[in-house]
Amino acid sequence: MDLWLQATVWMGLAFLASLISIRLGISVAMVEIFVGALGGNFLGVHPTPWINALAAVGSVVLTFLAGAEVEPAVLKQRWKESLSIGFVSFLLPFLAAMAYAYYVAGWNLAGAKIAGIALSTTSVAIVYAVMVETGLNQTELGKIILAACFITDLGTVAALGVLFAHYNLWLLAFALALAIVLPLLAPLSRKVFAALADRVSEPETKFFFLVLFGLGALAVKANSEAVLPAYLVGLVVATVLAGQKQFVRRLRGLAFAFLTPFYFLKAGALVSFKALWAGLGLVVILLAVKMAAKLVGVWPLTAAFCFGKNDGVYTTLLMSTGLTFGTISALFGLTHGYIDQQQYSVLVTVVILSGVIPTLIAQAFFNPEVKKEQIPAVGTAPVEEALPPRASEGGK
C-alpha cells in the first residue's frame, strides 16, 4: 500500500471516529481506539514508520496540552486536597495492579510494573470534558478534581520515567536539562509571544515544538518517555498560555485534527481481539482491582476534607477514569518488549472500560447540582478569590 493510500485509509478512520463521537456524545479518543482496533483486526491496518512518527508527536503534544490545563492557583490554594487525593489516587492502584499482575496473574516484574502504571492513571481528557459540559469547571469542586487529576497523572508519568530509565550519563544530562530549562520557560515564553505572536509562520508554535522535541530526545536517550518532560513543560507555561487563547485553540486544532488521531488509532490497531478474548477474565479482574483501589484511597479522603457524601462519591468515580496516559504506558510497554500483545490488549481494554463505566455512573447518579448564581464550596475553608476560567475549552 503506497503512502497516499495509507494516509487516506487512516484519515478516513479518523473522520469516521469523529462522526461516531459526535453522534454518541463520548470521547473521540475512545472511539478512535475502538475504530483502530476494528481496522487492525478486520481491515489489515497496521502502523508504518511515518504513522509511528506522527503518533509519537501526537502523544507529546497531547501531554503538553494536558499539563497546560492545570491551574497553579488551585494547586496553591487547595494543595492539601489536591496533593492528598491525587497522590493516593496514583499510589494505591499502582501497587494493587502491579501486585496482582505479578503475584496472581504471573506476569514478569517489568510487565507488572507496566500494568501498575497503566492502571494508576486518571483521565484528564474525560474529566475535563465532563467539567466543561456540566459547568463544574467553574466551581471549586471541579477545580480541585482537575488539580488532583494532574497530581495523579504526574505520578504516573514520573513512575514510567523512573522505573524504566537507564541510570547513566544520558539520564544525568536529561535531569540537568530539565533543571535549567523549566525555570526559564515561563519568562522566555512571554518574550516569544510578545515579540513573535500573530505571525503567519507561527514562530511561537515552532518554539514550543523545539523545546518539546529537544527534551523528548534526551528523555528517550535515557530510556524514559518524551511525555514526561512534555507534561512538566505544560504545567510550567500554564499561566502564560492562559492569556494566549488563540494560540491554544490553534495548537489544539492541529493536535486533534492531525496528530492525536494517529496515536489513538495506532493504539487501537495494536489490540488483538483474539488475544483479548483469551484474557477476558483478567480484564474484569484488573478493572475491579483498579476501581477498588481508587475507592479505598480516594473516598475516605473526600470525607476527611468534608466534600459531602454525594460530592465524595462523584470525585472518587471521576478519579477512577483512565484513557490517555494509560494507553501511553501500555504502548510504551509493548514497543519496548516489556509486555506481549495479549497483555497489551488486556491493559488497553481495561483502560477504556475505566474511562466509560465510572463516568456513566457518576453522571447518572452522583452529578452535583451547579447553581449559576453561586460557586459551591468544598469543605469549610472558602476560596480567597474567584479563579478565572481556563483559556481553553475541551478535553485532551
Protein backbone atom coordinates (compact mmCIF):
# COMPACT_ATOMS: atom_id res chain seq x y z
CA MET A 1 0.00 0.00 0.00
CA ASP A 2 1.54 3.33 -1.06
CA LEU A 3 1.86 6.31 1.26
CA TRP A 4 -1.14 8.29 -0.01
CA LEU A 5 -3.44 5.30 0.08
CA GLN A 6 -2.31 4.58 3.66
CA ALA A 7 -2.91 8.21 4.58
CA THR A 8 -6.38 8.07 3.04
CA VAL A 9 -7.33 4.95 4.98
CA TRP A 10 -6.05 6.28 8.30
CA MET A 11 -7.64 9.70 7.90
CA GLY A 12 -10.87 8.04 6.79
CA LEU A 13 -10.88 6.06 10.04
CA ALA A 14 -10.18 9.27 11.98
CA PHE A 15 -13.09 11.04 10.26
CA LEU A 16 -15.39 8.10 10.95
CA ALA A 17 -14.38 8.17 14.63
CA SER A 18 -15.24 11.87 14.84
CA LEU A 19 -18.70 11.29 13.37
CA ILE A 20 -19.39 8.44 15.78
CA SER A 21 -18.11 10.50 18.72
CA ILE A 22 -20.41 13.40 17.85
CA ARG A 23 -23.36 11.09 17.35
CA LEU A 24 -22.89 9.17 20.62
CA GLY A 25 -21.55 12.07 22.70
CA ILE A 26 -18.50 10.22 24.02
CA SER A 27 -14.77 10.97 23.94
CA VAL A 28 -13.35 10.88 20.42
CA ALA A 29 -10.18 9.28 21.79
CA MET A 30 -12.17 6.24 22.94
CA VAL A 31 -13.87 5.94 19.57
CA GLU A 32 -10.54 6.27 17.73
CA ILE A 33 -9.09 3.41 19.76
CA PHE A 34 -12.15 1.26 19.02
CA VAL A 35 -12.14 2.12 15.30
CA GLY A 36 -8.40 1.48 15.17
CA ALA A 37 -8.96 -1.95 16.74
CA LEU A 38 -11.57 -2.78 14.10
CA GLY A 39 -9.20 -1.64 11.38
CA GLY A 40 -6.31 -3.66 12.77
CA ASN A 41 -8.30 -6.85 13.22
CA PHE A 42 -10.53 -6.79 10.14
CA LEU A 43 -9.02 -4.41 7.57
CA GLY A 44 -5.34 -5.23 7.93
CA VAL A 45 -4.49 -1.69 9.09
CA HIS A 46 -1.07 -1.63 10.74
CA PRO A 47 1.28 1.20 11.80
CA THR A 48 4.11 2.19 9.46
CA PRO A 49 7.22 4.24 10.33
CA TRP A 50 5.64 7.54 9.28
CA ILE A 51 2.47 6.77 11.22
CA ASN A 52 4.58 5.88 14.26
CA ALA A 53 6.30 9.26 13.95
CA LEU A 54 3.03 11.20 13.77
CA ALA A 55 1.63 9.16 16.66
CA ALA A 56 4.69 9.93 18.78
CA VAL A 57 4.39 13.66 18.11
CA GLY A 58 0.68 13.46 18.85
CA SER A 59 1.24 11.88 22.26
CA VAL A 60 3.80 14.56 23.18
CA VAL A 61 1.59 17.49 22.10
CA LEU A 62 -1.41 15.93 23.84
CA THR A 63 0.56 15.57 27.07
CA PHE A 64 1.79 19.15 26.81
CA LEU A 65 -1.80 20.40 26.46
CA ALA A 66 -2.82 18.25 29.44
CA GLY A 67 -0.22 19.90 31.64
CA ALA A 68 -1.24 23.35 30.40
CA GLU A 69 -4.83 22.78 31.58
CA VAL A 70 -3.80 22.74 35.25
CA GLU A 71 -4.45 25.88 37.25
CA PRO A 72 -1.46 26.59 39.54
CA ALA A 73 -3.69 28.86 41.64
CA VAL A 74 -5.82 25.87 42.63
CA LEU A 75 -2.76 23.80 43.48
CA LYS A 76 -1.60 26.59 45.78
CA GLN A 77 -4.92 27.36 47.44
CA ARG A 78 -6.13 23.77 47.79
CA TRP A 79 -2.81 21.96 47.91
CA LYS A 80 -3.81 19.64 50.76
CA GLU A 81 -6.87 18.29 48.98
CA SER A 82 -5.28 18.21 45.51
CA LEU A 83 -2.00 16.65 46.62
CA SER A 84 -3.52 14.11 49.01
CA ILE A 85 -6.28 12.88 46.69
CA GLY A 86 -4.06 12.93 43.62
CA PHE A 87 -1.17 11.07 45.26
CA VAL A 88 -3.32 8.33 46.80
CA SER A 89 -5.27 8.04 43.54
CA PHE A 90 -1.97 7.14 41.87
CA LEU A 91 -0.22 5.09 44.55
CA LEU A 92 -2.85 2.55 45.64
CA PRO A 93 -3.98 1.46 42.14
CA PHE A 94 -0.34 1.29 41.05
CA LEU A 95 0.61 -1.01 43.92
CA ALA A 96 -2.59 -3.09 43.70
CA ALA A 97 -2.47 -3.67 39.95
CA MET A 98 1.26 -4.39 39.97
CA ALA A 99 0.89 -6.85 42.85
CA TYR A 100 -1.99 -8.70 41.19
CA ALA A 101 -0.25 -8.88 37.80
CA TYR A 102 2.97 -10.18 39.38
CA TYR A 103 1.82 -12.46 42.19
CA VAL A 104 -1.51 -13.74 40.84
CA ALA A 105 -1.53 -13.35 37.05
CA GLY A 106 2.09 -14.46 36.77
CA TRP A 107 3.44 -11.56 34.70
CA ASN A 108 7.15 -10.81 34.90
CA LEU A 109 8.23 -7.87 37.07
CA ALA A 110 8.66 -5.41 34.18
CA GLY A 111 5.22 -6.30 32.80
CA ALA A 112 3.68 -5.99 36.25
CA LYS A 113 5.18 -2.50 36.60
CA ILE A 114 3.64 -1.51 33.27
CA ALA A 115 0.27 -2.84 34.46
CA GLY A 116 0.54 -0.84 37.68
CA ILE A 117 1.45 2.35 35.83
CA ALA A 118 -1.22 1.96 33.14
CA LEU A 119 -3.98 1.37 35.69
CA SER A 120 -2.94 4.08 38.13
CA THR A 121 -3.99 6.88 35.80
CA THR A 122 -6.87 9.33 35.82
CA SER A 123 -8.18 10.65 32.50
CA VAL A 124 -7.76 14.42 32.35
CA ALA A 125 -9.39 14.26 28.91
CA ILE A 126 -12.60 12.71 30.19
CA VAL A 127 -12.72 14.63 33.45
CA TYR A 128 -12.15 17.98 31.78
CA ALA A 129 -14.82 17.27 29.16
CA VAL A 130 -17.29 16.37 31.92
CA MET A 131 -16.36 19.50 33.89
CA VAL A 132 -16.99 21.78 30.92
CA GLU A 133 -20.23 20.04 29.92
CA THR A 134 -21.72 20.31 33.42
CA GLY A 135 -20.25 23.70 34.33
CA LEU A 136 -18.28 22.21 37.22
CA ASN A 137 -15.03 23.60 35.80
CA GLN A 138 -16.21 26.97 37.17
CA THR A 139 -16.73 25.60 40.68
CA GLU A 140 -14.31 24.91 43.48
CA LEU A 141 -15.13 21.21 43.44
CA GLY A 142 -14.37 20.92 39.73
CA LYS A 143 -11.11 22.82 40.03
CA ILE A 144 -9.93 20.59 42.89
CA ILE A 145 -10.78 17.46 40.91
CA LEU A 146 -8.81 18.72 37.91
CA ALA A 147 -5.83 19.62 40.09
CA ALA A 148 -5.93 16.18 41.74
CA CYS A 149 -6.03 14.59 38.27
CA PHE A 150 -2.82 16.42 37.45
CA ILE A 151 -1.08 15.06 40.57
CA THR A 152 -2.22 11.51 39.73
CA ASP A 153 -1.00 11.67 36.14
CA LEU A 154 2.23 13.34 37.19
CA GLY A 155 2.86 10.33 39.43
CA THR A 156 2.08 8.02 36.51
CA VAL A 157 4.41 9.78 34.09
CA ALA A 158 7.16 10.07 36.73
CA ALA A 159 6.88 6.36 37.56
CA LEU A 160 7.19 5.47 33.89
CA GLY A 161 10.35 7.54 33.68
CA VAL A 162 11.94 6.44 36.96
CA LEU A 163 11.21 2.70 36.79
CA PHE A 164 12.39 2.20 33.22
CA ALA A 165 15.12 4.81 32.80
CA HIS A 166 18.74 3.90 32.15
CA TYR A 167 20.74 5.33 35.03
CA ASN A 168 23.68 6.63 33.04
CA LEU A 169 25.12 9.88 31.71
CA TRP A 170 22.13 10.40 29.44
CA LEU A 171 19.81 10.41 32.45
CA LEU A 172 22.10 12.93 34.15
CA ALA A 173 22.05 15.10 31.04
CA PHE A 174 18.26 14.86 30.92
CA ALA A 175 17.91 15.85 34.58
CA LEU A 176 20.28 18.78 34.16
CA ALA A 177 18.41 19.96 31.05
CA LEU A 178 15.12 19.94 32.96
CA ALA A 179 16.69 21.80 35.88
CA ILE A 180 17.98 24.50 33.52
CA VAL A 181 15.13 24.79 31.01
CA LEU A 182 12.00 24.57 33.18
CA PRO A 183 12.68 27.64 35.38
CA LEU A 184 13.42 29.72 32.27
CA LEU A 185 10.47 28.62 30.17
CA ALA A 186 7.74 30.88 31.54
CA PRO A 187 9.64 34.20 31.20
CA LEU A 188 11.12 33.12 27.86
CA SER A 189 7.68 32.13 26.56
CA ARG A 190 6.31 35.54 27.47
CA LYS A 191 9.11 37.19 25.47
CA VAL A 192 8.46 34.91 22.49
CA PHE A 193 4.75 35.78 22.49
CA ALA A 194 5.45 39.48 22.93
CA ALA A 195 7.93 39.60 20.05
CA LEU A 196 6.70 36.94 17.61
CA ALA A 197 2.98 36.28 18.16
CA ASP A 198 0.38 36.51 15.37
CA ARG A 199 2.80 35.83 12.51
CA VAL A 200 1.78 33.68 9.55
CA SER A 201 4.82 31.42 10.05
CA GLU A 202 3.71 30.56 13.63
CA PRO A 203 7.16 31.03 15.26
CA GLU A 204 5.71 30.64 18.78
CA THR A 205 4.37 27.19 17.86
CA LYS A 206 7.74 26.19 16.46
CA PHE A 207 9.40 27.42 19.65
CA PHE A 208 7.32 25.06 21.80
CA PHE A 209 7.88 22.18 19.38
CA LEU A 210 11.62 22.83 19.61
CA VAL A 211 11.53 22.65 23.41
CA LEU A 212 9.31 19.55 23.45
CA PHE A 213 11.35 17.70 20.83
CA GLY A 214 14.69 18.59 22.43
CA LEU A 215 13.70 17.48 25.92
CA GLY A 216 11.91 14.47 24.46
CA ALA A 217 15.07 13.39 22.65
CA LEU A 218 17.03 13.49 25.90
CA ALA A 219 14.27 11.57 27.70
CA VAL A 220 14.32 8.81 25.07
CA LYS A 221 18.12 8.60 25.25
CA ALA A 222 17.72 7.97 28.99
CA ASN A 223 15.16 5.21 28.15
CA SER A 224 12.34 7.32 29.55
CA GLU A 225 9.36 8.70 27.63
CA ALA A 226 9.08 12.01 25.81
CA VAL A 227 5.72 12.61 27.51
CA LEU A 228 7.44 13.16 30.88
CA PRO A 229 9.10 16.50 30.01
CA ALA A 230 6.06 17.46 27.89
CA TYR A 231 3.79 17.27 30.92
CA LEU A 232 6.17 19.35 33.03
CA VAL A 233 6.60 21.93 30.27
CA GLY A 234 2.81 22.26 30.01
CA LEU A 235 2.49 22.90 33.74
CA VAL A 236 5.31 25.46 33.78
CA VAL A 237 3.78 27.56 30.99
CA ALA A 238 0.13 27.09 32.04
CA THR A 239 -0.15 30.64 33.40
CA VAL A 240 1.41 32.06 30.23
CA LEU A 241 -0.93 30.14 27.93
CA ALA A 242 -3.94 31.26 29.99
CA GLY A 243 -3.57 34.61 28.26
CA GLN A 244 -2.97 33.14 24.79
CA LYS A 245 -6.40 31.80 23.88
CA GLN A 246 -5.93 31.92 20.13
CA PHE A 247 -2.61 30.10 20.29
CA VAL A 248 -4.08 27.34 22.46
CA ARG A 249 -7.03 26.93 20.07
CA ARG A 250 -4.72 26.69 17.05
CA LEU A 251 -2.43 24.17 18.74
CA ARG A 252 -5.36 22.08 19.93
CA GLY A 253 -6.85 22.18 16.44
CA LEU A 254 -3.59 20.93 14.94
CA ALA A 255 -3.30 18.21 17.57
CA PHE A 256 -6.84 16.84 17.37
CA ALA A 257 -7.24 17.19 13.62
CA PHE A 258 -3.95 15.68 12.51
CA LEU A 259 -1.73 14.29 15.29
CA THR A 260 -3.64 12.59 18.09
CA PRO A 261 -5.92 10.56 15.75
CA PHE A 262 -2.85 8.68 14.55
CA TYR A 263 -1.82 7.97 18.13
CA PHE A 264 -5.19 6.62 19.28
CA LEU A 265 -5.85 4.75 16.03
CA LYS A 266 -2.43 3.14 16.37
CA ALA A 267 -3.13 2.21 19.98
CA GLY A 268 -6.32 0.51 18.86
CA ALA A 269 -4.78 -1.17 15.80
CA LEU A 270 -2.32 -2.99 18.07
CA VAL A 271 -5.15 -4.57 20.09
CA SER A 272 -5.70 -8.20 19.14
CA PHE A 273 -9.30 -9.37 19.57
CA LYS A 274 -8.10 -12.97 19.68
CA ALA A 275 -5.64 -12.19 22.47
CA LEU A 276 -8.27 -10.09 24.23
CA TRP A 277 -10.80 -12.91 24.21
CA ALA A 278 -8.23 -15.22 25.77
CA GLY A 279 -7.65 -12.71 28.58
CA LEU A 280 -11.23 -11.53 29.08
CA GLY A 281 -11.41 -12.78 32.67
CA LEU A 282 -8.26 -10.86 33.53
CA VAL A 283 -9.83 -7.70 32.06
CA VAL A 284 -12.73 -7.92 34.51
CA ILE A 285 -10.44 -8.61 37.46
CA LEU A 286 -7.97 -5.80 36.70
CA LEU A 287 -10.83 -3.35 36.21
CA ALA A 288 -12.21 -4.34 39.61
CA VAL A 289 -8.73 -4.02 41.15
CA LYS A 290 -8.30 -0.51 39.80
CA MET A 291 -11.72 0.76 40.84
CA ALA A 292 -11.50 -0.87 44.29
CA ALA A 293 -8.09 0.68 44.91
CA LYS A 294 -9.36 4.11 43.85
CA LEU A 295 -12.36 3.72 46.15
CA VAL A 296 -10.26 2.67 49.14
CA GLY A 297 -7.81 5.51 48.60
CA VAL A 298 -9.89 8.48 47.43
CA TRP A 299 -13.28 8.19 49.11
CA PRO A 300 -12.02 8.36 52.75
CA LEU A 301 -10.03 11.48 51.88
CA THR A 302 -13.07 13.21 50.40
CA ALA A 303 -14.87 12.52 53.68
CA ALA A 304 -11.91 13.86 55.67
CA PHE A 305 -11.95 17.08 53.64
CA CYS A 306 -15.73 17.47 54.11
CA PHE A 307 -16.74 17.10 50.49
CA GLY A 308 -20.13 15.69 51.42
CA LYS A 309 -21.32 12.18 50.56
CA ASN A 310 -22.55 12.87 47.02
CA ASP A 311 -19.56 15.02 46.05
CA GLY A 312 -17.20 12.48 47.61
CA VAL A 313 -18.57 9.59 45.56
CA TYR A 314 -18.61 11.76 42.44
CA THR A 315 -14.97 12.74 42.95
CA THR A 316 -13.97 9.12 43.57
CA LEU A 317 -15.63 7.93 40.38
CA LEU A 318 -14.05 10.62 38.21
CA MET A 319 -10.63 9.87 39.74
CA SER A 320 -11.20 6.23 38.68
CA THR A 321 -11.31 7.08 34.99
CA GLY A 322 -8.45 6.40 32.62
CA LEU A 323 -7.53 6.88 28.97
CA THR A 324 -4.59 8.85 27.58
CA PHE A 325 -1.74 8.08 29.96
CA GLY A 326 -2.99 4.52 30.44
CA THR A 327 -2.71 3.84 26.71
CA ILE A 328 0.63 5.69 26.52
CA SER A 329 2.02 3.49 29.30
CA ALA A 330 0.69 0.27 27.76
CA LEU A 331 2.03 1.20 24.32
CA PHE A 332 5.42 2.02 25.86
CA GLY A 333 5.48 -1.45 27.42
CA LEU A 334 4.58 -3.16 24.15
CA THR A 335 7.02 -1.26 21.92
CA HIS A 336 9.89 -1.83 24.39
CA GLY A 337 9.12 -5.53 24.83
CA TYR A 338 8.09 -5.39 28.50
CA ILE A 339 4.64 -6.86 27.73
CA ASP A 340 3.32 -9.01 24.88
CA GLN A 341 0.33 -8.32 22.63
CA GLN A 342 -2.14 -10.22 24.80
CA GLN A 343 -1.10 -8.30 27.91
CA TYR A 344 -1.24 -5.06 25.93
CA SER A 345 -4.73 -5.87 24.65
CA VAL A 346 -5.90 -6.60 28.19
CA LEU A 347 -4.47 -3.37 29.60
CA VAL A 348 -5.86 -1.13 26.86
CA THR A 349 -9.31 -2.69 27.24
CA VAL A 350 -9.24 -2.14 31.00
CA VAL A 351 -8.15 1.46 30.45
CA ILE A 352 -11.02 2.12 28.02
CA LEU A 353 -13.60 0.48 30.31
CA SER A 354 -12.32 2.53 33.25
CA GLY A 355 -12.94 5.64 31.18
CA VAL A 356 -16.53 4.68 30.35
CA ILE A 357 -18.02 2.89 33.38
CA PRO A 358 -17.12 5.29 36.25
CA THR A 359 -18.07 8.31 34.14
CA LEU A 360 -21.51 6.92 33.31
CA ILE A 361 -22.21 6.04 36.95
CA ALA A 362 -21.02 9.44 38.18
CA GLN A 363 -23.10 11.38 35.69
CA ALA A 364 -26.21 9.24 36.11
CA PHE A 365 -26.39 9.04 39.91
CA PHE A 366 -24.00 11.48 41.60
CA ASN A 367 -23.78 14.55 39.36
CA PRO A 368 -23.52 17.63 41.66
CA GLU A 369 -26.07 20.38 41.17
CA VAL A 370 -24.43 23.53 39.85
CA LYS A 371 -26.14 26.83 40.57
CA LYS A 372 -25.25 29.63 38.18
CA GLU A 373 -25.66 32.32 40.80
CA GLN A 374 -23.02 30.90 43.13
CA ILE A 375 -19.89 28.81 43.16
CA PRO A 376 -20.30 25.93 45.61
CA ALA A 377 -17.62 25.49 48.23
CA VAL A 378 -15.90 22.29 49.24
CA GLY A 379 -15.21 21.80 52.93
CA THR A 380 -15.16 24.67 55.37
CA ALA A 381 -12.45 26.96 54.03
CA PRO A 382 -13.64 29.26 51.20
CA VAL A 383 -11.52 30.14 48.22
CA GLU A 384 -9.91 33.52 48.76
CA GLU A 385 -10.95 34.87 45.36
CA ALA A 386 -12.77 33.66 42.29
CA LEU A 387 -10.45 31.83 39.94
CA PRO A 388 -10.66 32.78 36.24
CA PRO A 389 -11.74 30.13 33.75
CA ARG A 390 -9.05 28.43 31.68
CA ALA A 391 -8.18 29.78 28.32
CA SER A 392 -9.18 26.60 26.54
CA GLU A 393 -12.32 24.61 26.38
CA GLY A 394 -12.42 20.91 25.55
CA GLY A 395 -10.67 17.75 26.66
CA LYS A 396 -7.35 16.30 25.65
